[in-house]
Protein backbone atom coordinates (compact mmCIF):
# COMPACT_ATOMS: atom_id res chain seq x y z
CA UNK A 1 45.69 16.68 16.46
CA UNK A 2 44.03 19.06 15.60
CA UNK A 3 41.49 19.31 12.85
CA UNK A 4 42.34 15.33 12.20
CA UNK A 5 45.98 16.32 11.94
CA UNK A 6 44.92 18.33 8.64
CA UNK A 7 45.71 21.43 7.34
CA UNK A 8 42.64 24.12 7.16
CA UNK A 9 42.20 27.64 6.10
CA UNK A 10 43.53 28.63 9.71
CA UNK A 11 46.61 26.77 9.54
CA UNK A 12 47.04 28.26 5.97
CA UNK A 13 46.20 31.48 7.32
CA UNK A 14 49.11 31.59 10.46
CA UNK A 15 51.64 29.96 8.02
CA UNK A 16 51.51 32.74 5.38
CA UNK A 17 53.34 35.95 8.17
CA UNK A 18 55.36 33.01 9.53
CA UNK A 19 56.93 32.45 5.83
CA UNK A 20 58.09 35.65 5.99
CA UNK A 21 60.09 35.55 9.29
CA UNK A 22 64.03 35.38 9.11
CA UNK A 23 66.55 34.05 11.89
CA UNK A 24 66.81 38.13 12.63
CA UNK A 25 63.38 38.12 13.54
CA UNK A 26 63.37 35.65 15.85
CA UNK A 27 66.46 36.52 17.18
CA UNK A 28 67.87 32.75 16.64
CA UNK A 29 70.53 31.39 14.38
CA UNK A 30 67.88 29.67 11.88
CA UNK A 31 64.18 29.64 11.42
CA UNK A 32 62.58 26.65 12.80
CA UNK A 33 61.73 24.06 10.00
CA UNK A 34 58.12 24.00 8.99
CA UNK A 35 56.92 22.22 5.91
CA UNK A 36 54.45 24.21 3.70
CA UNK A 37 50.56 23.19 4.35
CA UNK A 38 48.38 22.18 2.07
CA UNK A 39 44.40 22.61 2.31
CA UNK A 40 43.00 19.58 3.64
CA UNK A 41 46.15 17.23 3.88
CA UNK A 42 48.08 16.14 6.50
CA UNK A 43 50.54 18.25 8.45
CA UNK A 44 53.94 17.40 8.19
CA UNK A 45 56.36 17.92 11.21
CA UNK A 46 60.18 17.72 11.42
CA UNK A 47 61.93 17.04 14.99
CA UNK A 48 64.16 20.04 13.72
CA UNK A 49 61.44 21.81 13.41
CA UNK A 50 59.81 20.85 17.04
CA UNK A 51 62.72 21.54 18.68
CA UNK A 52 63.23 25.06 17.08
CA UNK A 53 59.86 25.88 17.94
CA UNK A 54 60.73 24.86 21.63
CA UNK A 55 63.29 27.11 21.65
CA UNK A 56 61.00 30.20 20.31
CA UNK A 57 59.06 29.46 23.20
CA UNK A 58 61.25 29.00 25.70
CA UNK A 59 62.80 32.47 24.94
CA UNK A 60 59.18 33.43 24.87
CA UNK A 61 58.62 32.58 28.63
CA UNK A 62 61.65 33.76 29.38
CA UNK A 63 61.08 37.75 28.11
CA UNK A 64 57.65 37.31 29.50
CA UNK A 65 59.29 36.58 33.15
CA UNK A 66 61.58 39.10 32.64
CA UNK A 67 58.54 42.04 32.09
CA UNK A 68 56.67 40.64 34.66
CA UNK A 69 59.77 41.03 37.05
CA UNK A 70 59.66 44.74 36.31
CA UNK A 71 55.68 45.59 37.43
CA UNK A 72 54.60 46.18 40.40
CA UNK A 73 53.18 43.46 41.33
CA UNK A 74 56.02 41.47 41.44
CA UNK A 75 57.65 42.46 44.32
CA UNK A 76 54.69 41.35 46.36
CA UNK A 77 54.74 37.82 44.69
CA UNK A 78 58.07 37.55 45.73
CA UNK A 79 57.45 38.39 49.39
CA UNK A 80 53.85 36.23 49.16
CA UNK A 81 56.02 32.87 47.64
CA UNK A 82 59.02 33.37 50.24
CA UNK A 83 56.71 33.42 52.47
CA UNK A 84 54.48 30.86 51.80
CA UNK A 85 57.88 28.72 51.65
CA UNK A 86 59.92 29.56 54.40
CA UNK A 87 57.55 30.60 56.89
CA UNK A 88 54.87 28.41 58.57
CA UNK A 89 51.44 28.96 58.54
CA UNK A 90 51.43 29.38 62.06
CA UNK A 91 54.58 30.83 62.54
CA UNK A 92 55.12 34.86 62.64
CA UNK A 93 59.08 35.08 62.60
CA UNK A 94 60.08 35.49 59.15
CA UNK A 95 63.37 32.76 58.46
CA UNK A 96 66.35 35.76 58.02
CA UNK A 97 69.29 34.03 55.55
CA UNK A 98 72.94 35.87 56.48
CA UNK A 99 74.41 36.42 52.57
CA UNK A 100 78.06 35.08 52.11
CA UNK A 101 80.59 38.27 52.08
CA UNK A 102 81.83 37.59 48.61
CA UNK A 103 79.48 39.28 45.83
CA UNK A 104 80.13 35.87 44.00
CA UNK A 105 78.66 34.19 47.10
CA UNK A 106 75.56 36.23 47.34
CA UNK A 107 74.30 35.89 44.04
CA UNK A 108 74.91 32.31 44.02
CA UNK A 109 72.77 32.09 47.30
CA UNK A 110 70.34 34.73 46.22
CA UNK A 111 69.80 32.58 42.81
CA UNK A 112 68.97 29.54 45.01
CA UNK A 113 66.83 31.05 47.56
CA UNK A 114 64.49 32.49 44.64
CA UNK A 115 64.68 29.51 43.07
CA UNK A 116 64.07 27.34 45.64
CA UNK A 117 60.95 29.40 46.31
CA UNK A 118 59.34 28.37 42.93
CA UNK A 119 60.31 31.68 40.90
CA UNK A 120 62.46 31.73 37.56
CA UNK A 121 66.26 31.81 37.92
CA UNK A 122 67.13 35.48 38.24
CA UNK A 123 69.50 37.00 35.57
CA UNK A 124 69.85 40.26 37.56
CA UNK A 125 70.05 39.37 41.36
CA UNK A 126 72.40 42.81 41.70
CA UNK A 127 68.44 44.10 41.31
CA UNK A 128 66.98 41.78 43.69
CA UNK A 129 69.25 42.00 46.35
CA UNK A 130 68.01 45.42 47.72
CA UNK A 131 64.65 44.55 48.25
CA UNK A 132 65.17 41.12 49.61
CA UNK A 133 67.51 43.49 52.15
CA UNK A 134 64.87 46.13 52.37
CA UNK A 135 62.13 43.17 53.49
CA UNK A 136 64.88 41.84 55.85
CA UNK A 137 64.61 38.39 54.42
CA UNK A 138 68.18 38.50 53.54
CA UNK A 139 71.00 40.08 55.72
């Protein structure tokens, strides 16, 4: 691993603020387990710590995805990915999807279509559905 798996000054510097974190800081049930690093000694990992750290990273990615969805360029990205997936390169006609009449069915279908184009599963379909309707991608 990095630096031969031994703790250096950078590891010790990074550990200092981590040691003061609480589960509340991380919005988690617990702080991922990390053994105190000792300079020039092997860094010890635990499965519990790795799993906990992976959960923190997963939540960071989900948060960043949600923030990205709020920026101006996100709409054009959804449109571009939709066209790449559902429209052939030489085809100019858009594929139009008819949504079910029940709200639960509409939400399920919009989620499925968004995931199908390679984007994360949307949490708030009610914010996305009007955009897809305005672009005549769904009806």
